[in-house]
Amino acid sequence: MAKNAGAVKVNTEAINKLKKSFSPGSSLQKFVDMEVVRMSDPYAPSDTAALRKSAFTRTEFGSGMVIYEIYGKPDGRNTWNDETSLFQDRPRRGPYWVKRMLDGGGREKLLREIAAFMKRA
């Protein structure tokens, strides 16, 4: 067997650039936060739309954390785990909306969007 069989050459410069690009407050992190909120919106419960709107008003874009909250209460967490309610437009809208968006092709789309963003930057 060859000495370097199975060896992988890693471009550490590219990895370091990517890590730096994702630092809190960076334009890439802001872009990713906004895309996650935008892409998850069709999956989020919408009985009153307050929960969906809270992601746009409560999230500090660029922080790396998307926040769903209503009236200062962590209602998003309760709704996130609620598998028993009959949400409007179910089954698309319902619990675990970000996870379901990612599992429903959103992960690949988000990665494509990140790659396109980095080419433009």
PDB file of N, CA and C in Angstrom:
ATOM      1  N   MET A   1       0.848  -1.167   0.000  1.00  0.00           N
ATOM      2  CA  MET A   1       0.000   0.000   0.000  1.00  0.00           C
ATOM      3  C   MET A   1       0.897   1.233   0.000  1.00  0.00           C
ATOM      4  N   ALA A   2       0.501   2.238  -0.742  1.00  0.00           N
ATOM      5  CA  ALA A   2       1.280   3.470  -0.835  1.00  0.00           C
ATOM      6  C   ALA A   2       1.332   4.172   0.517  1.00  0.00           C
ATOM      7  N   LYS A   3       2.426   4.905   0.705  1.00  0.00           N
ATOM      8  CA  LYS A   3       2.653   5.583   1.970  1.00  0.00           C
ATOM      9  C   LYS A   3       1.525   6.551   2.330  1.00  0.00           C
ATOM     10  N   ASN A   4       0.993   7.306   1.356  1.00  0.00           N
ATOM     11  CA  ASN A   4      -0.031   8.319   1.615  1.00  0.00           C
ATOM     12  C   ASN A   4      -1.419   7.882   1.147  1.00  0.00           C
ATOM     13  N   ALA A   5      -1.632   6.593   1.012  1.00  0.00           N
ATOM     14  CA  ALA A   5      -2.943   6.112   0.548  1.00  0.00           C
ATOM     15  C   ALA A   5      -4.028   6.536   1.524  1.00  0.00           C
ATOM     16  N   GLY A   6      -5.060   7.106   0.998  1.00  0.00           N
ATOM     17  CA  GLY A   6      -6.170   7.541   1.830  1.00  0.00           C
ATOM     18  C   GLY A   6      -5.938   8.887   2.493  1.00  0.00           C
ATOM     19  N   ALA A   7      -4.775   9.488   2.273  1.00  0.00           N
ATOM     20  CA  ALA A   7      -4.479  10.792   2.867  1.00  0.00           C
ATOM     21  C   ALA A   7      -5.297  11.869   2.172  1.00  0.00           C
ATOM     22  N   VAL A   8      -5.705  12.845   2.934  1.00  0.00           N
ATOM     23  CA  VAL A   8      -6.480  13.951   2.404  1.00  0.00           C
ATOM     24  C   VAL A   8      -5.704  15.229   2.621  1.00  0.00           C
ATOM     25  N   LYS A   9      -5.567  15.997   1.561  1.00  0.00           N
ATOM     26  CA  LYS A   9      -4.882  17.278   1.675  1.00  0.00           C
ATOM     27  C   LYS A   9      -5.923  18.321   2.071  1.00  0.00           C
ATOM     28  N   VAL A  10      -5.671  19.025   3.152  1.00  0.00           N
ATOM     29  CA  VAL A  10      -6.612  20.008   3.668  1.00  0.00           C
ATOM     30  C   VAL A  10      -6.051  21.404   3.453  1.00  0.00           C
ATOM     31  N   ASN A  11      -6.872  22.259   2.906  1.00  0.00           N
ATOM     32  CA  ASN A  11      -6.489  23.645   2.699  1.00  0.00           C
ATOM     33  C   ASN A  11      -6.840  24.413   3.966  1.00  0.00           C
ATOM     34  N   THR A  12      -5.878  24.496   4.880  1.00  0.00           N
ATOM     35  CA  THR A  12      -6.145  25.142   6.165  1.00  0.00           C
ATOM     36  C   THR A  12      -6.401  26.632   6.007  1.00  0.00           C
ATOM     37  N   GLU A  13      -5.861  27.242   4.978  1.00  0.00           N
ATOM     38  CA  GLU A  13      -6.104  28.668   4.736  1.00  0.00           C
ATOM     39  C   GLU A  13      -7.594  28.899   4.443  1.00  0.00           C
ATOM     40  N   ALA A  14      -8.177  28.024   3.629  1.00  0.00           N
ATOM     41  CA  ALA A  14      -9.601  28.150   3.311  1.00  0.00           C
ATOM     42  C   ALA A  14     -10.463  27.902   4.547  1.00  0.00           C
ATOM     43  N   ILE A  15     -10.063  26.950   5.377  1.00  0.00           N
ATOM     44  CA  ILE A  15     -10.821  26.663   6.605  1.00  0.00           C
ATOM     45  C   ILE A  15     -10.755  27.862   7.552  1.00  0.00           C
ATOM     46  N   ASN A  16      -9.578  28.437   7.704  1.00  0.00           N
ATOM     47  CA  ASN A  16      -9.441  29.609   8.578  1.00  0.00           C
ATOM     48  C   ASN A  16     -10.261  30.788   8.056  1.00  0.00           C
ATOM     49  N   LYS A  17     -10.287  30.970   6.731  1.00  0.00           N
ATOM     50  CA  LYS A  17     -11.088  32.042   6.130  1.00  0.00           C
ATOM     51  C   LYS A  17     -12.570  31.815   6.410  1.00  0.00           C
ATOM     52  N   LEU A  18     -13.010  30.563   6.290  1.00  0.00           N
ATOM     53  CA  LEU A  18     -14.406  30.233   6.543  1.00  0.00           C
ATOM     54  C   LEU A  18     -14.764  30.467   8.009  1.00  0.00           C
ATOM     55  N   LYS A  19     -13.886  30.046   8.931  1.00  0.00           N
ATOM     56  CA  LYS A  19     -14.127  30.273  10.361  1.00  0.00           C
ATOM     57  C   LYS A  19     -14.260  31.763  10.659  1.00  0.00           C
ATOM     58  N   LYS A  20     -13.354  32.555  10.086  1.00  0.00           N
ATOM     59  CA  LYS A  20     -13.386  33.996  10.306  1.00  0.00           C
ATOM     60  C   LYS A  20     -14.659  34.598   9.714  1.00  0.00           C
ATOM     61  N   SER A  21     -15.097  34.085   8.578  1.00  0.00           N
ATOM     62  CA  SER A  21     -16.305  34.588   7.920  1.00  0.00           C
ATOM     63  C   SER A  21     -17.539  34.374   8.774  1.00  0.00           C
ATOM     64  N   PHE A  22     -17.543  33.323   9.595  1.00  0.00           N
ATOM     65  CA  PHE A  22     -18.696  33.011  10.436  1.00  0.00           C
ATOM     66  C   PHE A  22     -18.603  33.634  11.827  1.00  0.00           C
ATOM     67  N   SER A  23     -17.692  34.536  12.042  1.00  0.00           N
ATOM     68  CA  SER A  23     -17.584  35.141  13.362  1.00  0.00           C
ATOM     69  C   SER A  23     -18.822  35.974  13.658  1.00  0.00           C
ATOM     70  N   PRO A  24     -19.203  36.084  14.933  1.00  0.00           N
ATOM     71  CA  PRO A  24     -20.389  36.861  15.294  1.00  0.00           C
ATOM     72  C   PRO A  24     -20.310  38.285  14.746  1.00  0.00           C
ATOM     73  N   GLY A  25     -21.395  38.724  14.136  1.00  0.00           N
ATOM     74  CA  GLY A  25     -21.463  40.063  13.575  1.00  0.00           C
ATOM     75  C   GLY A  25     -20.958  40.183  12.156  1.00  0.00           C
ATOM     76  N   SER A  26     -20.363  39.106  11.634  1.00  0.00           N
ATOM     77  CA  SER A  26     -19.843  39.166  10.264  1.00  0.00           C
ATOM     78  C   SER A  26     -20.995  39.218   9.262  1.00  0.00           C
ATOM     79  N   SER A  27     -20.705  39.705   8.067  1.00  0.00           N
ATOM     80  CA  SER A  27     -21.747  39.797   7.042  1.00  0.00           C
ATOM     81  C   SER A  27     -22.258  38.405   6.668  1.00  0.00           C
ATOM     82  N   LEU A  28     -21.390  37.407   6.683  1.00  0.00           N
ATOM     83  CA  LEU A  28     -21.834  36.044   6.378  1.00  0.00           C
ATOM     84  C   LEU A  28     -22.771  35.520   7.459  1.00  0.00           C
ATOM     85  N   GLN A  29     -22.435  35.764   8.730  1.00  0.00           N
ATOM     86  CA  GLN A  29     -23.304  35.285   9.817  1.00  0.00           C
ATOM     87  C   GLN A  29     -24.658  35.978   9.750  1.00  0.00           C
ATOM     88  N   LYS A  30     -24.674  37.265   9.450  1.00  0.00           N
ATOM     89  CA  LYS A  30     -25.942  37.990   9.295  1.00  0.00           C
ATOM     90  C   LYS A  30     -26.759  37.380   8.160  1.00  0.00           C
ATOM     91  N   PHE A  31     -26.085  37.093   7.043  1.00  0.00           N
ATOM     92  CA  PHE A  31     -26.762  36.493   5.898  1.00  0.00           C
ATOM     93  C   PHE A  31     -27.368  35.137   6.262  1.00  0.00           C
ATOM     94  N   VAL A  32     -26.594  34.301   6.940  1.00  0.00           N
ATOM     95  CA  VAL A  32     -27.080  32.967   7.317  1.00  0.00           C
ATOM     96  C   VAL A  32     -28.272  33.081   8.271  1.00  0.00           C
ATOM     97  N   ASP A  33     -28.170  33.943   9.271  1.00  0.00           N
ATOM     98  CA  ASP A  33     -29.284  34.126  10.208  1.00  0.00           C
ATOM     99  C   ASP A  33     -30.555  34.543   9.457  1.00  0.00           C
ATOM    100  N   MET A  34     -30.414  35.516   8.544  1.00  0.00           N
ATOM    101  CA  MET A  34     -31.581  35.985   7.787  1.00  0.00           C
ATOM    102  C   MET A  34     -32.152  34.888   6.894  1.00  0.00           C
ATOM    103  N   GLU A  35     -31.285  34.118   6.270  1.00  0.00           N
ATOM    104  CA  GLU A  35     -31.756  33.035   5.398  1.00  0.00           C
ATOM    105  C   GLU A  35     -32.481  31.954   6.192  1.00  0.00           C
ATOM    106  N   VAL A  36     -31.972  31.623   7.371  1.00  0.00           N
ATOM    107  CA  VAL A  36     -32.637  30.610   8.204  1.00  0.00           C
ATOM    108  C   VAL A  36     -34.033  31.085   8.575  1.00  0.00           C
ATOM    109  N   VAL A  37     -34.169  32.345   8.969  1.00  0.00           N
ATOM    110  CA  VAL A  37     -35.494  32.883   9.317  1.00  0.00           C
ATOM    111  C   VAL A  37     -36.393  32.882   8.080  1.00  0.00           C
ATOM    112  N   ARG A  38     -35.876  33.380   6.968  1.00  0.00           N
ATOM    113  CA  ARG A  38     -36.672  33.469   5.738  1.00  0.00           C
ATOM    114  C   ARG A  38     -37.118  32.087   5.249  1.00  0.00           C
ATOM    115  N   MET A  39     -36.178  31.134   5.229  1.00  0.00           N
ATOM    116  CA  MET A  39     -36.496  29.805   4.714  1.00  0.00           C
ATOM    117  C   MET A  39     -37.391  29.024   5.665  1.00  0.00           C
ATOM    118  N   SER A  40     -37.321  29.312   6.959  1.00  0.00           N
ATOM    119  CA  SER A  40     -38.144  28.610   7.948  1.00  0.00           C
ATOM    120  C   SER A  40     -39.549  29.173   8.050  1.00  0.00           C
ATOM    121  N   ASP A  41     -39.739  30.400   7.597  1.00  0.00           N
ATOM    122  CA  ASP A  41     -41.027  31.075   7.756  1.00  0.00           C
ATOM    123  C   ASP A  41     -42.223  30.247   7.258  1.00  0.00           C
ATOM    124  N   PRO A  42     -42.150  29.606   6.099  1.00  0.00           N
ATOM    125  CA  PRO A  42     -43.300  28.812   5.638  1.00  0.00           C
ATOM    126  C   PRO A  42     -43.598  27.580   6.506  1.00  0.00           C
ATOM    127  N   TYR A  43     -42.673  27.212   7.378  1.00  0.00           N
ATOM    128  CA  TYR A  43     -42.837  26.038   8.240  1.00  0.00           C
ATOM    129  C   TYR A  43     -43.289  26.395   9.658  1.00  0.00           C
ATOM    130  N   ALA A  44     -43.112  27.667  10.044  1.00  0.00           N
ATOM    131  CA  ALA A  44     -43.426  28.096  11.404  1.00  0.00           C
ATOM    132  C   ALA A  44     -44.934  28.206  11.613  1.00  0.00           C
ATOM    133  N   PRO A  45     -45.433  27.849  12.800  1.00  0.00           N
ATOM    134  CA  PRO A  45     -46.860  27.986  13.095  1.00  0.00           C
ATOM    135  C   PRO A  45     -47.313  29.427  12.872  1.00  0.00           C
ATOM    136  N   SER A  46     -48.529  29.566  12.342  1.00  0.00           N
ATOM    137  CA  SER A  46     -48.981  30.899  11.952  1.00  0.00           C
ATOM    138  C   SER A  46     -50.394  31.201  12.411  1.00  0.00           C
ATOM    139  N   ASP A  47     -50.806  30.682  13.558  1.00  0.00           N
ATOM    140  CA  ASP A  47     -52.177  30.920  14.005  1.00  0.00           C
ATOM    141  C   ASP A  47     -52.459  32.412  14.152  1.00  0.00           C
ATOM    142  N   THR A  48     -51.517  33.174  14.720  1.00  0.00           N
ATOM    143  CA  THR A  48     -51.697  34.621  14.833  1.00  0.00           C
ATOM    144  C   THR A  48     -50.577  35.378  14.129  1.00  0.00           C
ATOM    145  N   ALA A  49     -49.609  34.714  13.626  1.00  0.00           N
ATOM    146  CA  ALA A  49     -48.427  35.268  12.951  1.00  0.00           C
ATOM    147  C   ALA A  49     -47.468  35.944  13.924  1.00  0.00           C
ATOM    148  N   ALA A  50     -47.833  36.083  15.188  1.00  0.00           N
ATOM    149  CA  ALA A  50     -46.956  36.747  16.162  1.00  0.00           C
ATOM    150  C   ALA A  50     -45.653  35.969  16.340  1.00  0.00           C
ATOM    151  N   LEU A  51     -45.729  34.662  16.376  1.00  0.00           N
ATOM    152  CA  LEU A  51     -44.526  33.854  16.558  1.00  0.00           C
ATOM    153  C   LEU A  51     -43.594  34.030  15.358  1.00  0.00           C
ATOM    154  N   ARG A  52     -44.143  33.953  14.155  1.00  0.00           N
ATOM    155  CA  ARG A  52     -43.333  34.115  12.947  1.00  0.00           C
ATOM    156  C   ARG A  52     -42.685  35.493  12.906  1.00  0.00           C
ATOM    157  N   LYS A  53     -43.456  36.519  13.203  1.00  0.00           N
ATOM    158  CA  LYS A  53     -42.934  37.890  13.166  1.00  0.00           C
ATOM    159  C   LYS A  53     -41.845  38.102  14.213  1.00  0.00           C
ATOM    160  N   SER A  54     -41.952  37.395  15.328  1.00  0.00           N
ATOM    161  CA  SER A  54     -40.969  37.584  16.400  1.00  0.00           C
ATOM    162  C   SER A  54     -39.554  37.224  15.953  1.00  0.00           C
ATOM    163  N   ALA A  55     -39.425  36.291  15.022  1.00  0.00           N
ATOM    164  CA  ALA A  55     -38.090  35.924  14.540  1.00  0.00           C
ATOM    165  C   ALA A  55     -37.420  37.117  13.867  1.00  0.00           C
ATOM    166  N   PHE A  56     -38.214  37.950  13.193  1.00  0.00           N
ATOM    167  CA  PHE A  56     -37.658  39.120  12.514  1.00  0.00           C
ATOM    168  C   PHE A  56     -37.382  40.265  13.482  1.00  0.00           C
ATOM    169  N   THR A  57     -38.153  40.349  14.561  1.00  0.00           N
ATOM    170  CA  THR A  57     -37.997  41.473  15.491  1.00  0.00           C
ATOM    171  C   THR A  57     -37.104  41.144  16.687  1.00  0.00           C
ATOM    172  N   ARG A  58     -37.037  39.892  17.113  1.00  0.00           N
ATOM    173  CA  ARG A  58     -36.274  39.522  18.307  1.00  0.00           C
ATOM    174  C   ARG A  58     -34.873  38.999  18.001  1.00  0.00           C
ATOM    175  N   THR A  59     -34.653  38.515  16.778  1.00  0.00           N
ATOM    176  CA  THR A  59     -33.344  37.976  16.420  1.00  0.00           C
ATOM    177  C   THR A  59     -32.356  39.116  16.182  1.00  0.00           C
ATOM    178  N   GLU A  60     -31.197  39.001  16.779  1.00  0.00           N
ATOM    179  CA  GLU A  60     -30.117  39.939  16.482  1.00  0.00           C
ATOM    180  C   GLU A  60     -29.323  39.305  15.347  1.00  0.00           C
ATOM    181  N   PHE A  61     -29.625  39.727  14.117  1.00  0.00           N
ATOM    182  CA  PHE A  61     -29.006  39.113  12.949  1.00  0.00           C
ATOM    183  C   PHE A  61     -27.495  39.316  12.989  1.00  0.00           C
ATOM    184  N   GLY A  62     -26.791  38.209  12.873  1.00  0.00           N
ATOM    185  CA  GLY A  62     -25.344  38.196  12.982  1.00  0.00           C
ATOM    186  C   GLY A  62     -24.868  37.542  14.256  1.00  0.00           C
ATOM    187  N   SER A  63     -25.806  37.250  15.158  1.00  0.00           N
ATOM    188  CA  SER A  63     -25.433  36.633  16.437  1.00  0.00           C
ATOM    189  C   SER A  63     -25.257  35.125  16.329  1.00  0.00           C
ATOM    190  N   GLY A  64     -25.844  34.528  15.295  1.00  0.00           N
ATOM    191  CA  GLY A  64     -25.789  33.080  15.155  1.00  0.00           C
ATOM    192  C   GLY A  64     -26.907  32.385  15.910  1.00  0.00           C
ATOM    193  N   MET A  65     -27.842  33.159  16.456  1.00  0.00           N
ATOM    194  CA  MET A  65     -28.957  32.589  17.205  1.00  0.00           C
ATOM    195  C   MET A  65     -30.266  33.229  16.714  1.00  0.00           C
ATOM    196  N   VAL A  66     -31.191  32.388  16.271  1.00  0.00           N
ATOM    197  CA  VAL A  66     -32.505  32.862  15.837  1.00  0.00           C
ATOM    198  C   VAL A  66     -33.456  32.729  17.021  1.00  0.00           C
ATOM    199  N   ILE A  67     -34.190  33.793  17.314  1.00  0.00           N
ATOM    200  CA  ILE A  67     -35.065  33.806  18.486  1.00  0.00           C
ATOM    201  C   ILE A  67     -36.513  33.959  18.066  1.00  0.00           C
ATOM    202  N   TYR A  68     -37.345  33.058  18.564  1.00  0.00           N
ATOM    203  CA  TYR A  68     -38.792  33.132  18.406  1.00  0.00           C
ATOM    204  C   TYR A  68     -39.371  33.356  19.786  1.00  0.00           C
ATOM    205  N   GLU A  69     -40.059  34.477  19.971  1.00  0.00           N
ATOM    206  CA  GLU A  69     -40.562  34.824  21.292  1.00  0.00           C
ATOM    207  C   GLU A  69     -41.808  35.689  21.138  1.00  0.00           C
ATOM    208  N   ILE A  70     -42.751  35.539  22.041  1.00  0.00           N
ATOM    209  CA  ILE A  70     -43.957  36.359  22.017  1.00  0.00           C
ATOM    210  C   ILE A  70     -44.120  37.052  23.355  1.00  0.00           C
ATOM    211  N   TYR A  71     -44.234  38.386  23.308  1.00  0.00           N
ATOM    212  CA  TYR A  71     -44.518  39.190  24.494  1.00  0.00           C
ATOM    213  C   TYR A  71     -43.574  38.888  25.656  1.00  0.00           C
ATOM    214  N   GLY A  72     -42.307  38.712  25.363  1.00  0.00           N
ATOM    215  CA  GLY A  72     -41.321  38.484  26.410  1.00  0.00           C
ATOM    216  C   GLY A  72     -41.351  37.100  27.020  1.00  0.00           C
ATOM    217  N   LYS A  73     -42.229  36.227  26.529  1.00  0.00           N
ATOM    218  CA  LYS A  73     -42.295  34.855  27.034  1.00  0.00           C
ATOM    219  C   LYS A  73     -41.658  33.933  25.999  1.00  0.00           C
ATOM    220  N   PRO A  74     -40.996  32.907  26.436  1.00  0.00           N
ATOM    221  CA  PRO A  74     -40.368  31.984  25.486  1.00  0.00           C
ATOM    222  C   PRO A  74     -41.397  31.054  24.833  1.00  0.00           C
ATOM    223  N   ASP A  75     -42.440  31.656  24.269  1.00  0.00           N
ATOM    224  CA  ASP A  75     -43.510  30.878  23.663  1.00  0.00           C
ATOM    225  C   ASP A  75     -43.003  30.011  22.518  1.00  0.00           C
ATOM    226  N   GLY A  76     -41.967  30.487  21.853  1.00  0.00           N
ATOM    227  CA  GLY A  76     -41.402  29.713  20.757  1.00  0.00           C
ATOM    228  C   GLY A  76     -40.972  28.331  21.196  1.00  0.00           C
ATOM    229  N   ARG A  77     -40.408  28.226  22.381  1.00  0.00           N
ATOM    230  CA  ARG A  77     -39.959  26.920  22.889  1.00  0.00           C
ATOM    231  C   ARG A  77     -41.160  26.002  23.113  1.00  0.00           C
ATOM    232  N   ASN A  78     -42.228  26.549  23.681  1.00  0.00           N
ATOM    233  CA  ASN A  78     -43.428  25.728  23.908  1.00  0.00           C
ATOM    234  C   ASN A  78     -44.013  25.259  22.585  1.00  0.00           C
ATOM    235  N   THR A  79     -44.090  26.168  21.626  1.00  0.00           N
ATOM    236  CA  THR A  79     -44.639  25.821  20.315  1.00  0.00           C
ATOM    237  C   THR A  79     -43.713  24.876  19.573  1.00  0.00           C
ATOM    238  N   TRP A  80     -42.402  25.083  19.721  1.00  0.00           N
ATOM    239  CA  TRP A  80     -41.407  24.234  19.067  1.00  0.00           C
ATOM    240  C   TRP A  80     -41.635  22.768  19.426  1.00  0.00           C
ATOM    241  N   ASN A  81     -41.961  22.496  20.680  1.00  0.00           N
ATOM    242  CA  ASN A  81     -42.128  21.125  21.149  1.00  0.00           C
ATOM    243  C   ASN A  81     -43.556  20.603  21.053  1.00  0.00           C
ATOM    244  N   ASP A  82     -44.492  21.426  20.602  1.00  0.00           N
ATOM    245  CA  ASP A  82     -45.913  21.071  20.613  1.00  0.00           C
ATOM    246  C   ASP A  82     -46.293  20.215  19.402  1.00  0.00           C
ATOM    247  N   GLU A  83     -46.382  18.924  19.611  1.00  0.00           N
ATOM    248  CA  GLU A  83     -46.754  18.014  18.528  1.00  0.00           C
ATOM    249  C   GLU A  83     -48.238  17.687  18.537  1.00  0.00           C
ATOM    250  N   THR A  84     -48.992  18.231  19.494  1.00  0.00           N
ATOM    251  CA  THR A  84     -50.407  17.877  19.619  1.00  0.00           C
ATOM    252  C   THR A  84     -51.343  18.915  19.019  1.00  0.00           C
ATOM    253  N   SER A  85     -50.921  20.159  18.895  1.00  0.00           N
ATOM    254  CA  SER A  85     -51.807  21.203  18.377  1.00  0.00           C
ATOM    255  C   SER A  85     -52.062  21.015  16.890  1.00  0.00           C
ATOM    256  N   LEU A  86     -53.213  21.464  16.480  1.00  0.00           N
ATOM    257  CA  LEU A  86     -53.564  21.426  15.063  1.00  0.00           C
ATOM    258  C   LEU A  86     -53.326  22.820  14.495  1.00  0.00           C
ATOM    259  N   PHE A  87     -52.114  23.070  14.035  1.00  0.00           N
ATOM    260  CA  PHE A  87     -51.750  24.366  13.506  1.00  0.00           C
ATOM    261  C   PHE A  87     -52.416  24.582  12.156  1.00  0.00           C
ATOM    262  N   GLN A  88     -52.672  25.856  11.826  1.00  0.00           N
ATOM    263  CA  GLN A  88     -53.172  26.175  10.495  1.00  0.00           C
ATOM    264  C   GLN A  88     -52.131  25.723   9.479  1.00  0.00           C
ATOM    265  N   ASP A  89     -52.599  25.237   8.352  1.00  0.00           N
ATOM    266  CA  ASP A  89     -51.731  24.775   7.256  1.00  0.00           C
ATOM    267  C   ASP A  89     -50.830  23.612   7.645  1.00  0.00           C
ATOM    268  N   ARG A  90     -51.282  22.829   8.617  1.00  0.00           N
ATOM    269  CA  ARG A  90     -50.556  21.626   8.961  1.00  0.00           C
ATOM    270  C   ARG A  90     -50.759  20.630   7.826  1.00  0.00           C
ATOM    271  N   PRO A  91     -49.822  19.877   7.380  1.00  0.00           N
ATOM    272  CA  PRO A  91     -48.609  19.489   8.088  1.00  0.00           C
ATOM    273  C   PRO A  91     -47.401  20.380   7.800  1.00  0.00           C
ATOM    274  N   ARG A  92     -47.500  21.308   6.831  1.00  0.00           N
ATOM    275  CA  ARG A  92     -46.309  22.118   6.553  1.00  0.00           C
ATOM    276  C   ARG A  92     -45.927  22.971   7.756  1.00  0.00           C
ATOM    277  N   ARG A  93     -46.883  23.639   8.371  1.00  0.00           N
ATOM    278  CA  ARG A  93     -46.602  24.468   9.540  1.00  0.00           C
ATOM    279  C   ARG A  93     -46.791  23.623  10.792  1.00  0.00           C
ATOM    280  N   GLY A  94     -45.870  23.738  11.709  1.00  0.00           N
ATOM    281  CA  GLY A  94     -45.985  22.967  12.935  1.00  0.00           C
ATOM    282  C   GLY A  94     -44.710  22.991  13.743  1.00  0.00           C
ATOM    283  N   PRO A  95     -44.569  22.047  14.666  1.00  0.00           N
ATOM    284  CA  PRO A  95     -43.396  22.039  15.557  1.00  0.00           C
ATOM    285  C   PRO A  95     -42.105  21.746  14.799  1.00  0.00           C
ATOM    286  N   TYR A  96     -41.001  22.098  15.416  1.00  0.00           N
ATOM    287  CA  TYR A  96     -39.660  21.827  14.877  1.00  0.00           C
ATOM    288  C   TYR A  96     -39.467  22.429  13.482  1.00  0.00           C
ATOM    289  N   TRP A  97     -39.976  23.646  13.265  1.00  0.00           N
ATOM    290  CA  TRP A  97     -40.033  24.224  11.929  1.00  0.00           C
ATOM    291  C   TRP A  97     -38.664  24.438  11.299  1.00  0.00           C
ATOM    292  N   VAL A  98     -37.657  24.850  12.041  1.00  0.00           N
ATOM    293  CA  VAL A  98     -36.327  25.035  11.441  1.00  0.00           C
ATOM    294  C   VAL A  98     -35.734  23.677  11.072  1.00  0.00           C
ATOM    295  N   LYS A  99     -35.858  22.712  11.952  1.00  0.00           N
ATOM    296  CA  LYS A  99     -35.356  21.362  11.676  1.00  0.00           C
ATOM    297  C   LYS A  99     -36.051  20.763  10.456  1.00  0.00           C
ATOM    298  N   ARG A 100     -37.374  20.941  10.387  1.00  0.00           N
ATOM    299  CA  ARG A 100     -38.104  20.378   9.243  1.00  0.00           C
ATOM    300  C   ARG A 100     -37.733  21.084   7.938  1.00  0.00           C
ATOM    301  N   MET A 101     -37.476  22.389   8.001  1.00  0.00           N
ATOM    302  CA  MET A 101     -37.031  23.123   6.816  1.00  0.00           C
ATOM    303  C   MET A 101     -35.691  22.564   6.348  1.00  0.00           C
ATOM    304  N   LEU A 102     -34.755  22.379   7.288  1.00  0.00           N
ATOM    305  CA  LEU A 102     -33.443  21.853   6.926  1.00  0.00           C
ATOM    306  C   LEU A 102     -33.544  20.442   6.362  1.00  0.00           C
ATOM    307  N   ASP A 103     -34.352  19.594   6.987  1.00  0.00           N
ATOM    308  CA  ASP A 103     -34.509  18.215   6.537  1.00  0.00           C
ATOM    309  C   ASP A 103     -35.264  18.114   5.216  1.00  0.00           C
ATOM    310  N   GLY A 104     -36.043  19.133   4.885  1.00  0.00           N
ATOM    311  CA  GLY A 104     -36.846  19.123   3.660  1.00  0.00           C
ATOM    312  C   GLY A 104     -36.141  19.753   2.472  1.00  0.00           C
ATOM    313  N   GLY A 105     -34.837  19.716   2.434  1.00  0.00           N
ATOM    314  CA  GLY A 105     -34.068  20.270   1.322  1.00  0.00           C
ATOM    315  C   GLY A 105     -33.471  21.625   1.632  1.00  0.00           C
ATOM    316  N   GLY A 106     -33.817  22.196   2.764  1.00  0.00           N
ATOM    317  CA  GLY A 106     -33.302  23.508   3.128  1.00  0.00           C
ATOM    318  C   GLY A 106     -31.818  23.526   3.423  1.00  0.00           C
ATOM    319  N   ARG A 107     -31.304  22.429   3.975  1.00  0.00           N
ATOM    320  CA  ARG A 107     -29.869  22.364   4.308  1.00  0.00           C
ATOM    321  C   ARG A 107     -29.038  22.538   3.031  1.00  0.00           C
ATOM    322  N   GLU A 108     -29.392  21.806   1.987  1.00  0.00           N
ATOM    323  CA  GLU A 108     -28.656  21.883   0.724  1.00  0.00           C
ATOM    324  C   GLU A 108     -28.817  23.269   0.102  1.00  0.00           C
ATOM    325  N   LYS A 109     -30.035  23.798   0.148  1.00  0.00           N
ATOM    326  CA  LYS A 109     -30.272  25.121  -0.410  1.00  0.00           C
ATOM    327  C   LYS A 109     -29.481  26.174   0.359  1.00  0.00           C
ATOM    328  N   LEU A 110     -29.459  26.066   1.675  1.00  0.00           N
ATOM    329  CA  LEU A 110     -28.715  27.017   2.499  1.00  0.00           C
ATOM    330  C   LEU A 110     -27.223  26.951   2.177  1.00  0.00           C
ATOM    331  N   LEU A 111     -26.687  25.762   2.016  1.00  0.00           N
ATOM    332  CA  LEU A 111     -25.267  25.620   1.664  1.00  0.00           C
ATOM    333  C   LEU A 111     -24.970  26.241   0.300  1.00  0.00           C
ATOM    334  N   ARG A 112     -25.884  26.070  -0.667  1.00  0.00           N
ATOM    335  CA  ARG A 112     -25.707  26.692  -1.985  1.00  0.00           C
ATOM    336  C   ARG A 112     -25.731  28.219  -1.856  1.00  0.00           C
ATOM    337  N   GLU A 113     -26.650  28.723  -1.040  1.00  0.00           N
ATOM    338  CA  GLU A 113     -26.757  30.176  -0.834  1.00  0.00           C
ATOM    339  C   GLU A 113     -25.496  30.725  -0.161  1.00  0.00           C
ATOM    340  N   ILE A 114     -24.953  29.984   0.800  1.00  0.00           N
ATOM    341  CA  ILE A 114     -23.713  30.411   1.468  1.00  0.00           C
ATOM    342  C   ILE A 114     -22.570  30.455   0.463  1.00  0.00           C
ATOM    343  N   ALA A 115     -22.456  29.423  -0.372  1.00  0.00           N
ATOM    344  CA  ALA A 115     -21.395  29.379  -1.379  1.00  0.00           C
ATOM    345  C   ALA A 115     -21.524  30.561  -2.347  1.00  0.00           C
ATOM    346  N   ALA A 116     -22.734  30.857  -2.775  1.00  0.00           N
ATOM    347  CA  ALA A 116     -22.957  31.989  -3.683  1.00  0.00           C
ATOM    348  C   ALA A 116     -22.610  33.307  -3.001  1.00  0.00           C
ATOM    349  N   PHE A 117     -22.985  33.434  -1.734  1.00  0.00           N
ATOM    350  CA  PHE A 117     -22.682  34.650  -0.969  1.00  0.00           C
ATOM    351  C   PHE A 117     -21.174  34.842  -0.853  1.00  0.00           C
ATOM    352  N   MET A 118     -20.465  33.774  -0.571  1.00  0.00           N
ATOM    353  CA  MET A 118     -19.009  33.874  -0.398  1.00  0.00           C
ATOM    354  C   MET A 118     -18.310  34.213  -1.708  1.00  0.00           C
ATOM    355  N   LYS A 119     -18.869  33.775  -2.833  1.00  0.00           N
ATOM    356  CA  LYS A 119     -18.291  34.132  -4.136  1.00  0.00           C
ATOM    357  C   LYS A 119     -18.461  35.616  -4.411  1.00  0.00           C
ATOM    358  N   ARG A 120     -19.606  36.154  -3.946  1.00  0.00           N
ATOM    359  CA  ARG A 120     -19.865  37.590  -4.168  1.00  0.00           C
ATOM    360  C   ARG A 120     -19.038  38.458  -3.228  1.00  0.00           C
ATOM    361  N   ALA A 121     -18.707  37.916  -2.072  1.00  0.00           N
ATOM    362  CA  ALA A 121     -18.004  38.725  -1.049  1.00  0.00           C
ATOM    363  C   ALA A 121     -16.537  38.922  -1.380  1.00  0.00           C
TER     364      ALA A 121
END
